C-alpha atoms as a PDB file:
ATOM      1  CA  MET A   1       0.110   0.141   0.107  1.00  0.00           C
ATOM      2  CA  ASN A   2       1.387   3.101  -1.136  1.00  0.00           C
ATOM      3  CA  VAL A   3       1.157   6.268   1.193  1.00  0.00           C
ATOM      4  CA  HIS A   4       1.579   9.751   0.256  1.00  0.00           C
ATOM      5  CA  PRO A   5       3.569  11.814   2.476  1.00  0.00           C
ATOM      6  CA  GLN A   6       2.105  14.837   3.367  1.00  0.00           C
ATOM      7  CA  CYS A   7       3.377  18.548   4.054  1.00  0.00           C
ATOM      8  CA  PRO A   8       4.117  19.265   7.378  1.00  0.00           C
ATOM      9  CA  ALA A   9       3.264  22.764   6.844  1.00  0.00           C
ATOM     10  CA  CYS A  10      -0.363  22.681   5.189  1.00  0.00           C
ATOM     11  CA  GLY A  11      -1.153  19.034   4.863  1.00  0.00           C
ATOM     12  CA  GLY A  12      -1.298  18.562   1.312  1.00  0.00           C
ATOM     13  CA  PHE A  13      -0.017  15.608  -0.443  1.00  0.00           C
ATOM     14  CA  VAL A  14       3.672  16.009  -1.818  1.00  0.00           C
ATOM     15  CA  SER A  15       6.179  13.825  -3.492  1.00  0.00           C
ATOM     16  CA  THR A  16       8.518  12.099  -1.607  1.00  0.00           C
ATOM     17  CA  GLY A  17      11.738  13.660  -3.466  1.00  0.00           C
ATOM     18  CA  GLY A  18      12.136  16.527  -1.245  1.00  0.00           C
ATOM     19  CA  GLY A  19      12.153  20.126  -2.583  1.00  0.00           C
ATOM     20  CA  ARG A  20       9.147  22.536  -1.847  1.00  0.00           C
ATOM     21  CA  CYS A  21       5.488  21.924  -1.551  1.00  0.00           C
ATOM     22  CA  PRO A  22       3.446  22.764  -4.611  1.00  0.00           C
ATOM     23  CA  THR A  23       0.740  24.071  -2.331  1.00  0.00           C
ATOM     24  CA  CYS A  24       2.255  26.226   0.204  1.00  0.00           C
ATOM     25  CA  GLY A  25       5.690  26.357  -0.960  1.00  0.00           C
ATOM     26  CA  GLU A  26       7.423  24.927   2.482  1.00  0.00           C
ATOM     27  CA  HIS A  27      10.802  23.133   2.284  1.00  0.00           C
ATOM     28  CA  LEU A  28      10.014  19.205   2.553  1.00  0.00           C
ATOM     29  CA  PRO A  29      12.568  16.563   4.019  1.00  0.00           C
ATOM     30  CA  ASP A  30      13.943  14.002   2.099  1.00  0.00           C
ATOM     31  CA  TRP A  31      12.060  11.007   3.156  1.00  0.00           C
ATOM     32  CA  SER A  32      13.866   8.738   1.022  1.00  0.00           C
ATOM     33  CA  ALA A  33      16.643   8.248   3.254  1.00  0.00           C
ATOM     34  CA  PRO A  34      16.315   5.877   5.908  1.00  0.00           C
ATOM     35  CA  SER A  35      16.014   7.316   9.085  1.00  0.00           C
ATOM     36  CA  ARG A  36      18.578   6.391  11.660  1.00  0.00           C
ATOM     37  CA  PRO A  37      17.818   5.671  15.283  1.00  0.00           C
ATOM     38  CA  VAL A  38      18.837   8.113  17.747  1.00  0.00           C
ATOM     39  CA  ARG A  39      20.896   6.770  20.483  1.00  0.00           C
ATOM     40  CA  ARG A  40      20.926   8.586  23.564  1.00  0.00           C
ATOM     41  CA  GLY A  41      24.678   8.596  25.438  1.00  0.00           C
ATOM     42  CA  VAL A  42      24.828   7.260  28.769  1.00  0.00           C
ATOM     43  CA  VAL A  43      27.099   8.922  31.201  1.00  0.00           C
ATOM     44  CA  ALA A  44      29.516   6.571  32.928  1.00  0.00           C
ATOM     45  CA  GLN A  45      29.366   6.758  36.208  1.00  0.00           C
ATOM     46  CA  PRO A  46      32.652   6.684  38.586  1.00  0.00           C
ATOM     47  CA  PRO A  47      33.228   3.728  40.471  1.00  0.00           C
ATOM     48  CA  PRO A  48      32.391   4.182  44.316  1.00  0.00           C
ATOM     49  CA  SER A  49      35.501   5.457  46.141  1.00  0.00           C
ATOM     50  CA  ARG A  50      36.594   3.578  49.053  1.00  0.00           C
ATOM     51  CA  SER A  51      38.433   5.102  51.970  1.00  0.00           C
ATOM     52  CA  LEU A  52      42.305   3.993  52.591  1.00  0.00           C
ATOM     53  CA  THR A  53      42.061   4.925  56.354  1.00  0.00           C
ATOM     54  CA  PRO A  54      41.396   1.603  57.646  1.00  0.00           C
ATOM     55  CA  VAL A  55      43.895  -0.139  55.218  1.00  0.00           C
ATOM     56  CA  ILE A  56      46.424   2.015  56.175  1.00  0.00           C
ATOM     57  CA  ALA A  57      45.538   2.015  59.757  1.00  0.00           C
ATOM     58  CA  LEU A  58      45.501  -2.108  59.497  1.00  0.00           C
ATOM     59  CA  THR A  59      49.097  -2.084  57.871  1.00  0.00           C
ATOM     60  CA  ALA A  60      50.475   0.288  60.939  1.00  0.00           C
ATOM     61  CA  VAL A  61      49.119  -2.490  63.228  1.00  0.00           C
ATOM     62  CA  VAL A  62      50.428  -5.113  61.459  1.00  0.00           C
ATOM     63  CA  LEU A  63      54.043  -3.426  61.094  1.00  0.00           C
ATOM     64  CA  VAL A  64      54.301  -2.556  65.068  1.00  0.00           C
ATOM     65  CA  ALA A  65      53.024  -5.884  66.025  1.00  0.00           C
ATOM     66  CA  GLY A  66      55.635  -7.465  63.817  1.00  0.00           C
ATOM     67  CA  ALA A  67      58.534  -5.256  65.134  1.00  0.00           C
ATOM     68  CA  GLY A  68      57.258  -6.024  68.904  1.00  0.00           C
ATOM     69  CA  ILE A  69      57.173  -9.717  67.955  1.00  0.00           C
ATOM     70  CA  LEU A  70      60.624  -9.577  66.335  1.00  0.00           C
ATOM     71  CA  TYR A  71      62.145  -7.549  69.244  1.00  0.00           C
ATOM     72  CA  TRP A  72      60.428  -9.852  71.873  1.00  0.00           C
ATOM     73  CA  THR A  73      62.037 -13.138  69.935  1.00  0.00           C
ATOM     74  CA  LEU A  74      65.720 -11.698  69.068  1.00  0.00           C
ATOM     75  CA  GLY A  75      66.184  -9.416  72.136  1.00  0.00           C
ATOM     76  CA  PRO A  76      67.972  -6.228  72.335  1.00  0.00           C
ATOM     77  CA  PRO A  77      71.385  -6.142  70.257  1.00  0.00           C
ATOM     78  CA  ARG A  78      74.248  -7.933  72.169  1.00  0.00           C
ATOM     79  CA  HIS A  79      77.615  -6.719  71.830  1.00  0.00           C
ATOM     80  CA  ALA A  80      80.606  -9.173  71.485  1.00  0.00           C
ATOM     81  CA  PRO A  81      82.619 -10.169  74.665  1.00  0.00           C
ATOM     82  CA  GLY A  82      84.980  -7.527  75.251  1.00  0.00           C
ATOM     83  CA  GLN A  83      83.753  -4.901  72.716  1.00  0.00           C
ATOM     84  CA  PRO A  84      82.553  -1.716  74.531  1.00  0.00           C
ATOM     85  CA  SER A  85      79.020  -0.823  74.125  1.00  0.00           C
ATOM     86  CA  ALA A  86      77.637   2.150  71.814  1.00  0.00           C
ATOM     87  CA  SER A  87      75.095   3.037  74.393  1.00  0.00           C
ATOM     88  CA  VAL A  88      75.429   6.218  76.961  1.00  0.00           C
ATOM     89  CA  SER A  89      78.525   5.571  79.400  1.00  0.00           C
ATOM     90  CA  ASP A  90      77.992   5.675  82.904  1.00  0.00           C
ATOM     91  CA  PRO A  91      78.188   9.305  84.176  1.00  0.00           C
ATOM     92  CA  ALA A  92      80.775  10.325  86.435  1.00  0.00           C
ATOM     93  CA  PRO A  93      80.284  10.240  90.308  1.00  0.00           C
ATOM     94  CA  SER A  94      80.351  13.956  90.782  1.00  0.00           C
ATOM     95  CA  ALA A  95      77.454  14.072  87.966  1.00  0.00           C
ATOM     96  CA  LEU A  96      75.343  11.633  89.875  1.00  0.00           C
ATOM     97  CA  ALA A  97      74.792  14.086  92.925  1.00  0.00           C
ATOM     98  CA  PRO A  98      76.264  17.124  94.172  1.00  0.00           C
ATOM     99  CA  SER A  99      79.233  17.281  96.654  1.00  0.00           C
ATOM    100  CA  PRO A 100      78.049  17.088 100.141  1.00  0.00           C
ATOM    101  CA  VAL A 101      79.662  20.409 100.792  1.00  0.00           C
ATOM    102  CA  ALA A 102      77.683  21.849  97.997  1.00  0.00           C
ATOM    103  CA  ASP A 103      74.967  21.194 100.161  1.00  0.00           C
ATOM    104  CA  PRO A 104      75.609  22.617 103.688  1.00  0.00           C
ATOM    105  CA  GLU A 105      72.348  21.237 105.363  1.00  0.00           C
ATOM    106  CA  GLN A 106      73.332  17.875 104.276  1.00  0.00           C
ATOM    107  CA  THR A 107      77.014  18.294 105.288  1.00  0.00           C
ATOM    108  CA  LEU A 108      75.679  19.347 108.842  1.00  0.00           C
ATOM    109  CA  SER A 109      73.625  16.281 109.092  1.00  0.00           C
ATOM    110  CA  ARG A 110      76.454  14.083 108.318  1.00  0.00           C
ATOM    111  CA  ALA A 111      78.630  15.700 110.792  1.00  0.00           C
ATOM    112  CA  TRP A 112      75.851  15.407 113.631  1.00  0.00           C
ATOM    113  CA  LYS A 113      76.283  11.682 113.151  1.00  0.00           C
ATOM    114  CA  LYS A 114      79.954  11.598 113.771  1.00  0.00           C
ATOM    115  CA  ALA A 115      79.412  14.110 116.758  1.00  0.00           C
ATOM    116  CA  ARG A 116      77.022  11.614 118.559  1.00  0.00           C
ATOM    117  CA  ALA A 117      78.992   8.754 118.337  1.00  0.00           C
ATOM    118  CA  TRP A 118      81.608  10.903 119.924  1.00  0.00           C
ATOM    119  CA  ARG A 119      79.177  11.846 122.724  1.00  0.00           C
ATOM    120  CA  THR A 120      75.189  10.982 123.138  1.00  0.00           C
ATOM    121  CA  GLU A 121      74.642  14.588 124.480  1.00  0.00           C
ATOM    122  CA  ALA A 122      76.841  16.573 121.978  1.00  0.00           C
ATOM    123  CA  ALA A 123      75.617  19.965 121.258  1.00  0.00           C
ATOM    124  CA  LEU A 124      76.467  22.387 118.102  1.00  0.00           C
ATOM    125  CA  VAL A 125      78.340  25.290 119.430  1.00  0.00           C
ATOM    126  CA  ASP A 126      80.073  27.068 116.353  1.00  0.00           C
ATOM    127  CA  LEU A 127      79.606  26.648 112.620  1.00  0.00           C
ATOM    128  CA  ARG A 128      81.952  28.409 110.300  1.00  0.00           C
ATOM    129  CA  ILE A 129      81.679  28.205 106.370  1.00  0.00           C
ATOM    130  CA  GLU A 130      84.456  30.181 104.069  1.00  0.00           C
ATOM    131  CA  GLY A 131      83.891  30.550 100.331  1.00  0.00           C
ATOM    132  CA  VAL A 132      79.981  30.956 100.088  1.00  0.00           C
ATOM    133  CA  THR A 133      79.046  32.422  96.353  1.00  0.00           C
ATOM    134  CA  ALA A 134      75.615  32.886  94.868  1.00  0.00           C
ATOM    135  CA  GLY A 135      74.472  31.014  98.002  1.00  0.00           C
ATOM    136  CA  ARG A 136      76.245  27.663  97.272  1.00  0.00           C
ATOM    137  CA  LEU A 137      79.372  26.698  98.396  1.00  0.00           C
ATOM    138  CA  ALA A 138      82.667  27.030  96.161  1.00  0.00           C
ATOM    139  CA  GLU A 139      84.377  24.198  95.085  1.00  0.00           C
ATOM    140  CA  ASN A 140      87.416  25.475  97.364  1.00  0.00           C
ATOM    141  CA  ALA A 141      84.866  26.280 100.356  1.00  0.00           C
ATOM    142  CA  THR A 142      85.651  24.995 103.900  1.00  0.00           C
ATOM    143  CA  TRP A 143      82.991  23.975 106.062  1.00  0.00           C
ATOM    144  CA  VAL A 144      83.997  23.352 110.006  1.00  0.00           C
ATOM    145  CA  ALA A 145      81.289  22.714 112.587  1.00  0.00           C
ATOM    146  CA  THR A 146      82.514  22.350 116.372  1.00  0.00           C
ATOM    147  CA  PHE A 147      80.474  20.430 119.003  1.00  0.00           C
ATOM    148  CA  ALA A 148      80.927  20.209 122.552  1.00  0.00           C
ATOM    149  CA  GLU A 149      79.211  18.661 125.531  1.00  0.00           C
ATOM    150  CA  PRO A 150      76.858  20.751 127.983  1.00  0.00           C
ATOM    151  CA  THR A 151      78.092  20.695 131.411  1.00  0.00           C
ATOM    152  CA  GLY A 152      74.364  21.141 132.797  1.00  0.00           C
ATOM    153  CA  ARG A 153      71.237  21.960 131.258  1.00  0.00           C
ATOM    154  CA  MET A 154      70.424  21.073 127.558  1.00  0.00           C
ATOM    155  CA  GLY A 155      69.311  23.178 125.136  1.00  0.00           C
ATOM    156  CA  PRO A 156      70.055  26.551 123.132  1.00  0.00           C
ATOM    157  CA  GLY A 157      72.108  28.930 125.364  1.00  0.00           C
ATOM    158  CA  ALA A 158      73.532  25.892 127.721  1.00  0.00           C
ATOM    159  CA  ALA A 159      77.093  26.147 128.926  1.00  0.00           C
ATOM    160  CA  VAL A 160      79.490  23.426 127.479  1.00  0.00           C
ATOM    161  CA  GLY A 161      82.475  21.989 128.665  1.00  0.00           C
ATOM    162  CA  LYS A 162      86.050  22.319 127.593  1.00  0.00           C
ATOM    163  CA  GLY A 163      86.112  19.323 125.110  1.00  0.00           C
ATOM    164  CA  ARG A 164      85.736  20.156 121.542  1.00  0.00           C
ATOM    165  CA  PHE A 165      84.756  17.837 118.743  1.00  0.00           C
ATOM    166  CA  ILE A 166      85.533  19.321 115.208  1.00  0.00           C
ATOM    167  CA  VAL A 167      84.361  18.145 112.091  1.00  0.00           C
ATOM    168  CA  THR A 168      85.819  19.750 108.925  1.00  0.00           C
ATOM    169  CA  ALA A 169      84.369  19.388 105.356  1.00  0.00           C
ATOM    170  CA  ARG A 170      86.621  19.539 102.227  1.00  0.00           C
ATOM    171  CA  ALA A 171      85.305  18.337  98.825  1.00  0.00           C
ATOM    172  CA  ASP A 172      83.552  14.952  99.954  1.00  0.00           C
ATOM    173  CA  GLN A 173      85.484  13.993 102.844  1.00  0.00           C
ATOM    174  CA  LEU A 174      84.692  14.603 106.493  1.00  0.00           C
ATOM    175  CA  GLN A 175      87.819  15.007 108.725  1.00  0.00           C
ATOM    176  CA  THR A 176      87.687  14.988 112.812  1.00  0.00           C
ATOM    177  CA  ARG A 177      89.708  15.904 115.546  1.00  0.00           C
ATOM    178  CA  GLU A 178      89.386  16.652 119.165  1.00  0.00           C
ATOM    179  CA  GLU A 179      90.836  19.328 121.309  1.00  0.00           C
ATOM    180  CA  SER A 180      90.260  21.335 124.501  1.00  0.00           C
ATOM    181  CA  SER A 181      89.377  24.870 124.619  1.00  0.00           C
ATOM    182  CA  GLY A 182      89.051  27.650 127.390  1.00  0.00           C
ATOM    183  CA  ASP A 183      87.047  30.025 125.452  1.00  0.00           C
ATOM    184  CA  ALA A 184      83.444  30.334 126.539  1.00  0.00           C
ATOM    185  CA  ALA A 185      80.877  29.099 124.298  1.00  0.00           C
ATOM    186  CA  LEU A 186      77.023  28.359 124.607  1.00  0.00           C
ATOM    187  CA  ALA A 187      75.069  25.550 122.716  1.00  0.00           C
ATOM    188  CA  ALA A 188      73.181  26.449 119.717  1.00  0.00           C
ATOM    189  CA  PRO A 189      70.452  25.030 117.801  1.00  0.00           C
ATOM    190  CA  ASP A 190      70.588  24.011 114.117  1.00  0.00           C
ATOM    191  CA  PRO A 191      69.972  27.060 112.166  1.00  0.00           C
ATOM    192  CA  ASP A 192      66.588  27.510 110.639  1.00  0.00           C
ATOM    193  CA  CYS A 193      67.953  30.033 108.459  1.00  0.00           C
ATOM    194  CA  PRO A 194      69.638  28.061 105.774  1.00  0.00           C
ATOM    195  CA  VAL A 195      72.833  29.255 104.241  1.00  0.00           C
ATOM    196  CA  ALA A 196      71.481  30.057 100.882  1.00  0.00           C
ATOM    197  CA  SER A 197      68.695  32.261 102.413  1.00  0.00           C
ATOM    198  CA  ALA A 198      71.454  33.856 104.993  1.00  0.00           C
ATOM    199  CA  TRP A 199      73.893  34.614 101.772  1.00  0.00           C
ATOM    200  CA  ARG A 200      70.799  36.543  99.722  1.00  0.00           C
ATOM    201  CA  ALA A 201      69.954  38.658 102.957  1.00  0.00           C
ATOM    202  CA  ALA A 202      73.567  39.655 103.567  1.00  0.00           C
ATOM    203  CA  VAL A 203      73.930  40.457  99.798  1.00  0.00           C
ATOM    204  CA  ALA A 204      70.333  42.338 100.094  1.00  0.00           C
ATOM    205  CA  SER A 205      71.701  44.305 102.996  1.00  0.00           C
ATOM    206  CA  GLY A 206      74.539  45.613 100.938  1.00  0.00           C
ATOM    207  CA  LEU A 207      77.749  43.224 100.997  1.00  0.00           C
ATOM    208  CA  ALA A 208      78.765  42.439  97.458  1.00  0.00           C
ATOM    209  CA  SER A 209      77.728  39.578  95.931  1.00  0.00           C
ATOM    210  CA  SER A 210      80.775  39.236  93.451  1.00  0.00           C
ATOM    211  CA  ILE A 211      82.869  38.628  96.707  1.00  0.00           C
ATOM    212  CA  PRO A 212      82.948  35.045  98.470  1.00  0.00           C
ATOM    213  CA  LEU A 213      81.154  35.498 101.867  1.00  0.00           C
ATOM    214  CA  GLN A 214      82.601  34.091 105.132  1.00  0.00           C
ATOM    215  CA  LEU A 215      79.689  33.006 107.411  1.00  0.00           C
ATOM    216  CA  GLY A 216      79.542  32.102 110.979  1.00  0.00           C
ATOM    217  CA  TYR A 217      77.064  30.669 113.097  1.00  0.00           C
ATOM    218  CA  ARG A 218      76.691  30.612 116.912  1.00  0.00           C
ATOM    219  CA  TYR A 219      74.522  31.224 119.971  1.00  0.00           C
ATOM    220  CA  SER A 220      74.784  34.946 121.066  1.00  0.00           C
ATOM    221  CA  LYS A 221      74.713  35.638 124.481  1.00  0.00           C
ATOM    222  CA  THR A 222      74.257  39.612 124.226  1.00  0.00           C
ATOM    223  CA  ARG A 223      71.355  39.153 121.815  1.00  0.00           C
ATOM    224  CA  ASN A 224      69.948  35.714 123.561  1.00  0.00           C
ATOM    225  CA  ARG A 225      69.686  33.904 120.197  1.00  0.00           C
ATOM    226  CA  ALA A 226      71.525  32.044 117.753  1.00  0.00           C
ATOM    227  CA  ILE A 227      72.768  34.319 115.019  1.00  0.00           C
ATOM    228  CA  TRP A 228      74.576  34.369 111.751  1.00  0.00           C
ATOM    229  CA  THR A 229      77.566  36.736 110.863  1.00  0.00           C
ATOM    230  CA  ALA A 230      78.112  37.711 107.174  1.00  0.00           C
ATOM    231  CA  ARG A 231      81.198  39.501 105.578  1.00  0.00           C
ATOM    232  CA  ALA A 232      83.086  39.087 102.202  1.00  0.00           C
ATOM    233  CA  VAL A 233      86.269  37.712 102.325  1.00  0.00           C
ATOM    234  CA  GLY A 234      88.806  40.883 102.714  1.00  0.00           C
ATOM    235  CA  ASN A 235      86.596  43.006 104.021  1.00  0.00           C
ATOM    236  CA  GLU A 236      85.855  43.951 107.679  1.00  0.00           C
ATOM    237  CA  GLU A 237      82.029  44.988 107.065  1.00  0.00           C
ATOM    238  CA  GLN A 238      80.151  42.493 108.678  1.00  0.00           C
ATOM    239  CA  ARG A 239      76.381  41.614 108.916  1.00  0.00           C
ATOM    240  CA  GLU A 240      74.564  39.969 111.711  1.00  0.00           C
ATOM    241  CA  LEU A 241      71.398  37.983 110.846  1.00  0.00           C
ATOM    242  CA  ASP A 242      68.916  36.158 113.244  1.00  0.00           C
ATOM    243  CA  GLY A 243      69.707  32.157 112.607  1.00  0.00           C
ATOM    244  CA  ALA A 244      65.869  31.628 112.813  1.00  0.00           C
ATOM    245  CA  SER A 245      64.092  34.104 110.426  1.00  0.00           C
ATOM    246  CA  CYS A 246      67.287  35.405 108.361  1.00  0.00           C
ATOM    247  CA  ASN A 247      66.358  39.068 109.390  1.00  0.00           C
ATOM    248  CA  ILE A 248      69.098  41.607 109.609  1.00  0.00           C
ATOM    249  CA  LEU A 249      69.932  42.662 113.242  1.00  0.00           C
ATOM    250  CA  ALA A 250      70.666  46.117 114.056  1.00  0.00           C
ATOM    251  CA  ARG A 251      73.892  46.992 115.541  1.00  0.00           C
END
């Protein structure tokens, strides 16, 4: 069955050869060419992304576990006999702890042990320190404590006998000796004002901080208390400090 195409503009019958419509003059399509099906393109979807974080974390855990198992199995690296280790060498004895003389209070505690071995009721009567710089004892400092035995009552200000037990500290060594003295002396309590605090108070009162100080500690009958005396080496200017509070005492 032959079907005559119609003009898409006016609807009149036309030939299939194309050209113009004989009725309205509209351009006609060429129906003789076979029509091709129109294919619509399909946009390719990217594959769903996968996070690598779990994979990286799992890999790290496996590596750490493997290293731990290897170290536990083989142990730390061993050195051949007689071969020195490449690890950090042991520090020198002086680096492990400060010299006892560098800590005057610790030195006094050690001296007390020797004094009580000399006399059970020994009492401190005098303490002399030469070479105090920046609140600490210099390397060549001298620390001397003198003990005696009370003749009557015990406690600060008590009279003592003529026998003396002297402890001298140089570097890390304590040396002791006994002697007799006719000088009147009184028992003194351990200083509550430490050496570092006494040095700071003396320097704050006007003594030079650049010159080593000489410190002395004893019980003063005049002031009825234990006192520190401080003066710079080679200088007669002197300060007296309360042995408990470190306060400068007026002359």
